[in-house]
């Protein structure tokens, strides 16, 4: 038997400010080594109404690899020079 319900996404939650259940937006708050932390906010008033942490660390690995590559100093003379244009 497969695990069909690994993760749920909230579409509607109760908002204490609006005093009713309504649609929510999912916002990414943090990219952590253990997974991503999300916040659910009311679409009507923008009040945070819930949160979620997923356990997929792939986004952290991709982000840390990109940051390491950007921080790596280039050796002198390795600057990219514009290629000469060919006329013709």
PDB file of N, CA and C in Angstrom:
ATOM      1  N   UNK A   1       0.848  -1.181   0.000  1.00  0.00           N
ATOM      2  CA  UNK A   1       0.000   0.000   0.000  1.00  0.00           C
ATOM      3  C   UNK A   1       0.896   1.249   0.000  1.00  0.00           C
ATOM      4  N   UNK A   2       0.598   2.203  -0.858  1.00  0.00           N
ATOM      5  CA  UNK A   2       1.408   3.418  -0.956  1.00  0.00           C
ATOM      6  C   UNK A   2       0.904   4.474   0.017  1.00  0.00           C
ATOM      7  N   UNK A   3       1.783   5.371   0.351  1.00  0.00           N
ATOM      8  CA  UNK A   3       1.431   6.476   1.250  1.00  0.00           C
ATOM      9  C   UNK A   3       0.897   7.629   0.403  1.00  0.00           C
ATOM     10  N   UNK A   4      -0.407   7.671   0.199  1.00  0.00           N
ATOM     11  CA  UNK A   4      -1.021   8.649  -0.694  1.00  0.00           C
ATOM     12  C   UNK A   4      -1.136  10.034  -0.072  1.00  0.00           C
ATOM     13  N   UNK A   5      -1.066  10.138   1.243  1.00  0.00           N
ATOM     14  CA  UNK A   5      -1.277  11.427   1.913  1.00  0.00           C
ATOM     15  C   UNK A   5      -0.016  11.882   2.621  1.00  0.00           C
ATOM     16  N   UNK A   6       1.029  12.143   1.871  1.00  0.00           N
ATOM     17  CA  UNK A   6       2.283  12.589   2.491  1.00  0.00           C
ATOM     18  C   UNK A   6       2.198  14.015   2.998  1.00  0.00           C
ATOM     19  N   UNK A   7       1.617  14.907   2.209  1.00  0.00           N
ATOM     20  CA  UNK A   7       1.500  16.308   2.616  1.00  0.00           C
ATOM     21  C   UNK A   7       0.152  16.862   2.212  1.00  0.00           C
ATOM     22  N   UNK A   8      -0.365  17.750   3.034  1.00  0.00           N
ATOM     23  CA  UNK A   8      -1.605  18.435   2.735  1.00  0.00           C
ATOM     24  C   UNK A   8      -1.314  19.913   2.524  1.00  0.00           C
ATOM     25  N   UNK A   9      -2.077  20.550   1.683  1.00  0.00           N
ATOM     26  CA  UNK A   9      -2.001  21.991   1.466  1.00  0.00           C
ATOM     27  C   UNK A   9      -3.321  22.597   1.911  1.00  0.00           C
ATOM     28  N   UNK A  10      -3.268  23.615   2.751  1.00  0.00           N
ATOM     29  CA  UNK A  10      -4.481  24.281   3.209  1.00  0.00           C
ATOM     30  C   UNK A  10      -4.961  25.253   2.134  1.00  0.00           C
ATOM     31  N   UNK A  11      -6.241  25.224   1.857  1.00  0.00           N
ATOM     32  CA  UNK A  11      -6.843  26.175   0.930  1.00  0.00           C
ATOM     33  C   UNK A  11      -7.754  27.149   1.659  1.00  0.00           C
ATOM     34  N   UNK A  12      -8.351  26.698   2.765  1.00  0.00           N
ATOM     35  CA  UNK A  12      -9.270  27.521   3.541  1.00  0.00           C
ATOM     36  C   UNK A  12      -8.980  27.316   5.022  1.00  0.00           C
ATOM     37  N   UNK A  13      -8.802  28.410   5.759  1.00  0.00           N
ATOM     38  CA  UNK A  13      -8.594  28.360   7.207  1.00  0.00           C
ATOM     39  C   UNK A  13      -9.416  29.462   7.859  1.00  0.00           C
ATOM     40  N   UNK A  14      -9.645  29.303   9.164  1.00  0.00           N
ATOM     41  CA  UNK A  14     -10.402  30.311   9.907  1.00  0.00           C
ATOM     42  C   UNK A  14      -9.505  31.498  10.225  1.00  0.00           C
ATOM     43  N   UNK A  15     -10.026  32.706   9.988  1.00  0.00           N
ATOM     44  CA  UNK A  15      -9.308  33.945  10.293  1.00  0.00           C
ATOM     45  C   UNK A  15      -9.996  34.605  11.479  1.00  0.00           C
ATOM     46  N   UNK A  16      -9.260  34.874  12.545  1.00  0.00           N
ATOM     47  CA  UNK A  16      -9.817  35.519  13.727  1.00  0.00           C
ATOM     48  C   UNK A  16     -10.174  36.979  13.491  1.00  0.00           C
ATOM     49  N   UNK A  17      -9.477  37.635  12.583  1.00  0.00           N
ATOM     50  CA  UNK A  17      -9.766  39.037  12.283  1.00  0.00           C
ATOM     51  C   UNK A  17     -11.060  39.169  11.479  1.00  0.00           C
ATOM     52  N   UNK A  18     -11.200  38.341  10.438  1.00  0.00           N
ATOM     53  CA  UNK A  18     -12.408  38.377   9.601  1.00  0.00           C
ATOM     54  C   UNK A  18     -13.576  37.647  10.264  1.00  0.00           C
ATOM     55  N   UNK A  19     -13.273  36.817  11.257  1.00  0.00           N
ATOM     56  CA  UNK A  19     -14.264  36.030  11.998  1.00  0.00           C
ATOM     57  C   UNK A  19     -15.014  35.049  11.104  1.00  0.00           C
ATOM     58  N   UNK A  20     -14.292  34.470  10.129  1.00  0.00           N
ATOM     59  CA  UNK A  20     -14.886  33.455   9.263  1.00  0.00           C
ATOM     60  C   UNK A  20     -13.767  32.655   8.596  1.00  0.00           C
ATOM     61  N   UNK A  21     -14.134  31.518   8.036  1.00  0.00           N
ATOM     62  CA  UNK A  21     -13.180  30.725   7.262  1.00  0.00           C
ATOM     63  C   UNK A  21     -13.096  31.309   5.854  1.00  0.00           C
ATOM     64  N   UNK A  22     -11.902  31.381   5.340  1.00  0.00           N
ATOM     65  CA  UNK A  22     -11.725  31.954   4.014  1.00  0.00           C
ATOM     66  C   UNK A  22     -10.491  31.407   3.330  1.00  0.00           C
ATOM     67  N   UNK A  23     -10.292  31.755   2.067  1.00  0.00           N
ATOM     68  CA  UNK A  23      -9.122  31.280   1.321  1.00  0.00           C
ATOM     69  C   UNK A  23      -7.837  31.887   1.874  1.00  0.00           C
ATOM     70  N   UNK A  24      -6.760  31.118   1.770  1.00  0.00           N
ATOM     71  CA  UNK A  24      -5.461  31.558   2.291  1.00  0.00           C
ATOM     72  C   UNK A  24      -4.409  31.486   1.199  1.00  0.00           C
ATOM     73  N   UNK A  25      -3.334  32.239   1.409  1.00  0.00           N
ATOM     74  CA  UNK A  25      -2.150  32.185   0.535  1.00  0.00           C
ATOM     75  C   UNK A  25      -1.018  31.559   1.331  1.00  0.00           C
ATOM     76  N   UNK A  26      -0.207  30.794   0.643  1.00  0.00           N
ATOM     77  CA  UNK A  26       0.957  30.156   1.258  1.00  0.00           C
ATOM     78  C   UNK A  26       2.183  30.995   0.925  1.00  0.00           C
ATOM     79  N   UNK A  27       2.899  31.484   1.964  1.00  0.00           N
ATOM     80  CA  UNK A  27       4.099  32.309   1.779  1.00  0.00           C
ATOM     81  C   UNK A  27       5.310  31.573   2.339  1.00  0.00           C
ATOM     82  N   UNK A  28       6.400  31.575   1.594  1.00  0.00           N
ATOM     83  CA  UNK A  28       7.647  30.982   2.063  1.00  0.00           C
ATOM     84  C   UNK A  28       8.309  31.939   3.047  1.00  0.00           C
ATOM     85  N   UNK A  29       8.583  31.458   4.260  1.00  0.00           N
ATOM     86  CA  UNK A  29       9.238  32.296   5.273  1.00  0.00           C
ATOM     87  C   UNK A  29      10.736  32.030   5.344  1.00  0.00           C
ATOM     88  N   UNK A  30      11.110  30.751   5.482  1.00  0.00           N
ATOM     89  CA  UNK A  30      12.515  30.394   5.668  1.00  0.00           C
ATOM     90  C   UNK A  30      12.868  29.159   4.864  1.00  0.00           C
ATOM     91  N   UNK A  31      14.111  29.106   4.384  1.00  0.00           N
ATOM     92  CA  UNK A  31      14.654  27.899   3.783  1.00  0.00           C
ATOM     93  C   UNK A  31      15.652  27.352   4.796  1.00  0.00           C
ATOM     94  N   UNK A  32      15.294  26.227   5.416  1.00  0.00           N
ATOM     95  CA  UNK A  32      16.085  25.640   6.495  1.00  0.00           C
ATOM     96  C   UNK A  32      16.772  24.364   6.026  1.00  0.00           C
ATOM     97  N   UNK A  33      17.833  23.921   6.722  1.00  0.00           N
ATOM     98  CA  UNK A  33      18.483  22.656   6.348  1.00  0.00           C
ATOM     99  C   UNK A  33      17.541  21.455   6.455  1.00  0.00           C
ATOM    100  N   UNK A  34      16.538  21.543   7.315  1.00  0.00           N
ATOM    101  CA  UNK A  34      15.608  20.428   7.498  1.00  0.00           C
ATOM    102  C   UNK A  34      14.387  20.523   6.600  1.00  0.00           C
ATOM    103  N   UNK A  35      14.175  21.632   5.938  1.00  0.00           N
ATOM    104  CA  UNK A  35      13.016  21.823   5.070  1.00  0.00           C
ATOM    105  C   UNK A  35      12.621  23.287   5.028  1.00  0.00           C
ATOM    106  N   UNK A  36      11.510  23.589   4.387  1.00  0.00           N
ATOM    107  CA  UNK A  36      11.052  24.965   4.241  1.00  0.00           C
ATOM    108  C   UNK A  36       9.941  25.272   5.231  1.00  0.00           C
ATOM    109  N   UNK A  37       9.926  26.500   5.743  1.00  0.00           N
ATOM    110  CA  UNK A  37       8.876  26.946   6.653  1.00  0.00           C
ATOM    111  C   UNK A  37       7.970  27.905   5.891  1.00  0.00           C
ATOM    112  N   UNK A  38       6.671  27.607   5.910  1.00  0.00           N
ATOM    113  CA  UNK A  38       5.672  28.405   5.205  1.00  0.00           C
ATOM    114  C   UNK A  38       4.701  29.017   6.199  1.00  0.00           C
ATOM    115  N   UNK A  39       4.090  30.118   5.800  1.00  0.00           N
ATOM    116  CA  UNK A  39       3.064  30.782   6.588  1.00  0.00           C
ATOM    117  C   UNK A  39       1.823  30.881   5.720  1.00  0.00           C
ATOM    118  N   UNK A  40       0.658  30.603   6.298  1.00  0.00           N
ATOM    119  CA  UNK A  40      -0.610  30.787   5.602  1.00  0.00           C
ATOM    120  C   UNK A  40      -1.216  32.101   6.070  1.00  0.00           C
ATOM    121  N   UNK A  41      -1.591  32.972   5.126  1.00  0.00           N
ATOM    122  CA  UNK A  41      -2.186  34.261   5.458  1.00  0.00           C
ATOM    123  C   UNK A  41      -3.554  34.372   4.790  1.00  0.00           C
ATOM    124  N   UNK A  42      -4.464  35.065   5.459  1.00  0.00           N
ATOM    125  CA  UNK A  42      -5.814  35.291   4.952  1.00  0.00           C
ATOM    126  C   UNK A  42      -5.731  36.157   3.689  1.00  0.00           C
ATOM    127  N   UNK A  43      -6.452  35.769   2.649  1.00  0.00           N
ATOM    128  CA  UNK A  43      -6.448  36.557   1.410  1.00  0.00           C
ATOM    129  C   UNK A  43      -7.198  37.871   1.561  1.00  0.00           C
ATOM    130  N   UNK A  44      -8.144  37.944   2.495  1.00  0.00           N
ATOM    131  CA  UNK A  44      -8.930  39.157   2.682  1.00  0.00           C
ATOM    132  C   UNK A  44      -8.142  40.248   3.410  1.00  0.00           C
ATOM    133  N   UNK A  45      -7.563  39.897   4.564  1.00  0.00           N
ATOM    134  CA  UNK A  45      -6.944  40.930   5.406  1.00  0.00           C
ATOM    135  C   UNK A  45      -5.430  40.788   5.574  1.00  0.00           C
ATOM    136  N   UNK A  46      -4.844  39.661   5.164  1.00  0.00           N
ATOM    137  CA  UNK A  46      -3.403  39.478   5.274  1.00  0.00           C
ATOM    138  C   UNK A  46      -2.917  39.012   6.628  1.00  0.00           C
ATOM    139  N   UNK A  47      -3.822  38.635   7.532  1.00  0.00           N
ATOM    140  CA  UNK A  47      -3.455  38.163   8.862  1.00  0.00           C
ATOM    141  C   UNK A  47      -2.908  36.739   8.788  1.00  0.00           C
ATOM    142  N   UNK A  48      -1.768  36.465   9.451  1.00  0.00           N
ATOM    143  CA  UNK A  48      -1.283  35.078   9.494  1.00  0.00           C
ATOM    144  C   UNK A  48      -2.291  34.200  10.245  1.00  0.00           C
ATOM    145  N   UNK A  49      -2.663  33.075   9.630  1.00  0.00           N
ATOM    146  CA  UNK A  49      -3.657  32.197  10.235  1.00  0.00           C
ATOM    147  C   UNK A  49      -3.143  30.778  10.458  1.00  0.00           C
ATOM    148  N   UNK A  50      -1.928  30.486  10.055  1.00  0.00           N
ATOM    149  CA  UNK A  50      -1.382  29.147  10.258  1.00  0.00           C
ATOM    150  C   UNK A  50      -0.001  29.035   9.662  1.00  0.00           C
ATOM    151  N   UNK A  51       0.602  27.873   9.825  1.00  0.00           N
ATOM    152  CA  UNK A  51       1.938  27.650   9.303  1.00  0.00           C
ATOM    153  C   UNK A  51       2.177  26.198   8.994  1.00  0.00           C
ATOM    154  N   UNK A  52       3.295  25.946   8.344  1.00  0.00           N
ATOM    155  CA  UNK A  52       3.636  24.595   7.932  1.00  0.00           C
ATOM    156  C   UNK A  52       5.140  24.507   7.731  1.00  0.00           C
ATOM    157  N   UNK A  53       5.721  23.354   8.058  1.00  0.00           N
ATOM    158  CA  UNK A  53       7.123  23.074   7.760  1.00  0.00           C
ATOM    159  C   UNK A  53       7.150  21.788   6.957  1.00  0.00           C
ATOM    160  N   UNK A  54       7.700  21.836   5.740  1.00  0.00           N
ATOM    161  CA  UNK A  54       7.844  20.594   4.987  1.00  0.00           C
ATOM    162  C   UNK A  54       9.227  20.029   5.267  1.00  0.00           C
ATOM    163  N   UNK A  55       9.398  18.792   5.043  1.00  0.00           N
ATOM    164  CA  UNK A  55      10.656  18.106   5.386  1.00  0.00           C
ATOM    165  C   UNK A  55      11.486  17.763   4.158  1.00  0.00           C
ATOM    166  N   UNK A  56      11.462  18.625   3.138  1.00  0.00           N
ATOM    167  CA  UNK A  56      12.216  18.398   1.914  1.00  0.00           C
ATOM    168  C   UNK A  56      13.403  19.357   1.877  1.00  0.00           C
ATOM    169  N   UNK A  57      14.614  18.872   2.165  1.00  0.00           N
ATOM    170  CA  UNK A  57      15.777  19.768   2.239  1.00  0.00           C
ATOM    171  C   UNK A  57      16.417  20.096   0.895  1.00  0.00           C
ATOM    172  N   UNK A  58      15.817  19.728  -0.233  1.00  0.00           N
ATOM    173  CA  UNK A  58      16.457  19.972  -1.524  1.00  0.00           C
ATOM    174  C   UNK A  58      16.590  21.458  -1.832  1.00  0.00           C
ATOM    175  N   UNK A  59      15.624  22.281  -1.447  1.00  0.00           N
ATOM    176  CA  UNK A  59      15.710  23.719  -1.711  1.00  0.00           C
ATOM    177  C   UNK A  59      16.890  24.331  -0.966  1.00  0.00           C
ATOM    178  N   UNK A  60      17.160  23.865   0.247  1.00  0.00           N
ATOM    179  CA  UNK A  60      18.296  24.378   1.014  1.00  0.00           C
ATOM    180  C   UNK A  60      19.601  24.018   0.316  1.00  0.00           C
ATOM    181  N   UNK A  61      19.707  22.785  -0.163  1.00  0.00           N
ATOM    182  CA  UNK A  61      20.933  22.367  -0.844  1.00  0.00           C
ATOM    183  C   UNK A  61      21.162  23.182  -2.110  1.00  0.00           C
ATOM    184  N   UNK A  62      20.096  23.414  -2.879  1.00  0.00           N
ATOM    185  CA  UNK A  62      20.227  24.206  -4.103  1.00  0.00           C
ATOM    186  C   UNK A  62      20.621  25.637  -3.785  1.00  0.00           C
ATOM    187  N   UNK A  63      20.006  26.216  -2.752  1.00  0.00           N
ATOM    188  CA  UNK A  63      20.306  27.588  -2.362  1.00  0.00           C
ATOM    189  C   UNK A  63      21.732  27.707  -1.849  1.00  0.00           C
ATOM    190  N   UNK A  64      22.174  26.754  -1.028  1.00  0.00           N
ATOM    191  CA  UNK A  64      23.524  26.839  -0.477  1.00  0.00           C
ATOM    192  C   UNK A  64      24.576  26.620  -1.556  1.00  0.00           C
ATOM    193  N   UNK A  65      24.301  25.747  -2.541  1.00  0.00           N
ATOM    194  CA  UNK A  65      25.235  25.562  -3.650  1.00  0.00           C
ATOM    195  C   UNK A  65      25.369  26.827  -4.477  1.00  0.00           C
ATOM    196  N   UNK A  66      24.249  27.482  -4.756  1.00  0.00           N
ATOM    197  CA  UNK A  66      24.275  28.707  -5.550  1.00  0.00           C
ATOM    198  C   UNK A  66      24.993  29.826  -4.799  1.00  0.00           C
ATOM    199  N   UNK A  67      24.772  29.916  -3.495  1.00  0.00           N
ATOM    200  CA  UNK A  67      25.434  30.947  -2.695  1.00  0.00           C
ATOM    201  C   UNK A  67      26.940  30.697  -2.634  1.00  0.00           C
ATOM    202  N   UNK A  68      27.338  29.447  -2.509  1.00  0.00           N
ATOM    203  CA  UNK A  68      28.762  29.127  -2.462  1.00  0.00           C
ATOM    204  C   UNK A  68      29.432  29.444  -3.792  1.00  0.00           C
ATOM    205  N   UNK A  69      28.760  29.165  -4.892  1.00  0.00           N
ATOM    206  CA  UNK A  69      29.329  29.455  -6.210  1.00  0.00           C
ATOM    207  C   UNK A  69      29.452  30.957  -6.431  1.00  0.00           C
ATOM    208  N   UNK A  70      28.491  31.729  -5.949  1.00  0.00           N
ATOM    209  CA  UNK A  70      28.544  33.183  -6.114  1.00  0.00           C
ATOM    210  C   UNK A  70      29.623  33.805  -5.232  1.00  0.00           C
ATOM    211  N   UNK A  71      29.890  33.211  -4.073  1.00  0.00           N
ATOM    212  CA  UNK A  71      30.874  33.762  -3.153  1.00  0.00           C
ATOM    213  C   UNK A  71      32.299  33.353  -3.508  1.00  0.00           C
ATOM    214  N   UNK A  72      32.457  32.346  -4.342  1.00  0.00           N
ATOM    215  CA  UNK A  72      33.775  31.866  -4.713  1.00  0.00           C
ATOM    216  C   UNK A  72      34.492  32.933  -5.539  1.00  0.00           C
ATOM    217  N   UNK A  73      35.683  33.394  -5.115  1.00  0.00           N
ATOM    218  CA  UNK A  73      36.390  34.424  -5.887  1.00  0.00           C
ATOM    219  C   UNK A  73      36.936  33.843  -7.185  1.00  0.00           C
ATOM    220  N   UNK A  74      36.879  34.646  -8.225  1.00  0.00           N
ATOM    221  CA  UNK A  74      37.435  34.239  -9.506  1.00  0.00           C
ATOM    222  C   UNK A  74      38.921  34.553  -9.534  1.00  0.00           C
ATOM    223  N   UNK A  75      39.703  33.714 -10.180  1.00  0.00           N
ATOM    224  CA  UNK A  75      41.124  34.008 -10.287  1.00  0.00           C
ATOM    225  C   UNK A  75      41.336  35.238 -11.168  1.00  0.00           C
ATOM    226  N   UNK A  76      42.442  35.972 -10.948  1.00  0.00           N
ATOM    227  CA  UNK A  76      42.708  37.156 -11.766  1.00  0.00           C
ATOM    228  C   UNK A  76      42.768  36.783 -13.248  1.00  0.00           C
ATOM    229  N   UNK A  77      42.218  37.630 -14.066  1.00  0.00           N
ATOM    230  CA  UNK A  77      42.216  37.390 -15.495  1.00  0.00           C
ATOM    231  C   UNK A  77      41.066  36.505 -15.957  1.00  0.00           C
ATOM    232  N   UNK A  78      40.243  36.045 -15.028  1.00  0.00           N
ATOM    233  CA  UNK A  78      39.136  35.166 -15.391  1.00  0.00           C
ATOM    234  C   UNK A  78      37.858  35.950 -15.654  1.00  0.00           C
ATOM    235  N   UNK A  79      37.959  37.295 -15.590  1.00  0.00           N
ATOM    236  CA  UNK A  79      36.784  38.118 -15.871  1.00  0.00           C
ATOM    237  C   UNK A  79      36.352  37.866 -17.308  1.00  0.00           C
ATOM    238  N   UNK A  80      35.091  37.866 -17.510  1.00  0.00           N
ATOM    239  CA  UNK A  80      34.586  37.639 -18.854  1.00  0.00           C
ATOM    240  C   UNK A  80      34.738  38.916 -19.671  1.00  0.00           C
ATOM    241  N   UNK A  81      35.361  38.774 -20.787  1.00  0.00           N
ATOM    242  CA  UNK A  81      35.546  39.885 -21.712  1.00  0.00           C
ATOM    243  C   UNK A  81      34.488  39.772 -22.788  1.00  0.00           C
ATOM    244  N   UNK A  82      33.943  40.880 -23.235  1.00  0.00           N
ATOM    245  CA  UNK A  82      32.963  40.793 -24.312  1.00  0.00           C
ATOM    246  C   UNK A  82      33.628  40.284 -25.591  1.00  0.00           C
ATOM    247  N   UNK A  83      32.918  39.420 -26.294  1.00  0.00           N
ATOM    248  CA  UNK A  83      33.462  38.883 -27.534  1.00  0.00           C
ATOM    249  C   UNK A  83      33.372  39.945 -28.629  1.00  0.00           C
ATOM    250  N   UNK A  84      34.413  40.039 -29.461  1.00  0.00           N
ATOM    251  CA  UNK A  84      34.367  41.036 -30.543  1.00  0.00           C
ATOM    252  C   UNK A  84      33.256  40.672 -31.535  1.00  0.00           C
ATOM    253  N   UNK A  85      32.595  41.700 -32.021  1.00  0.00           N
ATOM    254  CA  UNK A  85      31.520  41.481 -32.983  1.00  0.00           C
ATOM    255  C   UNK A  85      32.113  41.290 -34.374  1.00  0.00           C
ATOM    256  N   UNK A  86      31.514  40.375 -35.065  1.00  0.00           N
ATOM    257  CA  UNK A  86      31.959  40.135 -36.439  1.00  0.00           C
ATOM    258  C   UNK A  86      31.095  40.964 -37.382  1.00  0.00           C
ATOM    259  N   UNK A  87      31.750  41.569 -38.301  1.00  0.00           N
ATOM    260  CA  UNK A  87      31.025  42.336 -39.299  1.00  0.00           C
ATOM    261  C   UNK A  87      30.898  41.502 -40.556  1.00  0.00           C
ATOM    262  N   UNK A  88      29.775  41.619 -41.172  1.00  0.00           N
ATOM    263  CA  UNK A  88      29.692  40.828 -42.382  1.00  0.00           C
ATOM    264  C   UNK A  88      28.403  40.750 -42.997  1.00  0.00           C
TER     265      UNK A  88
END
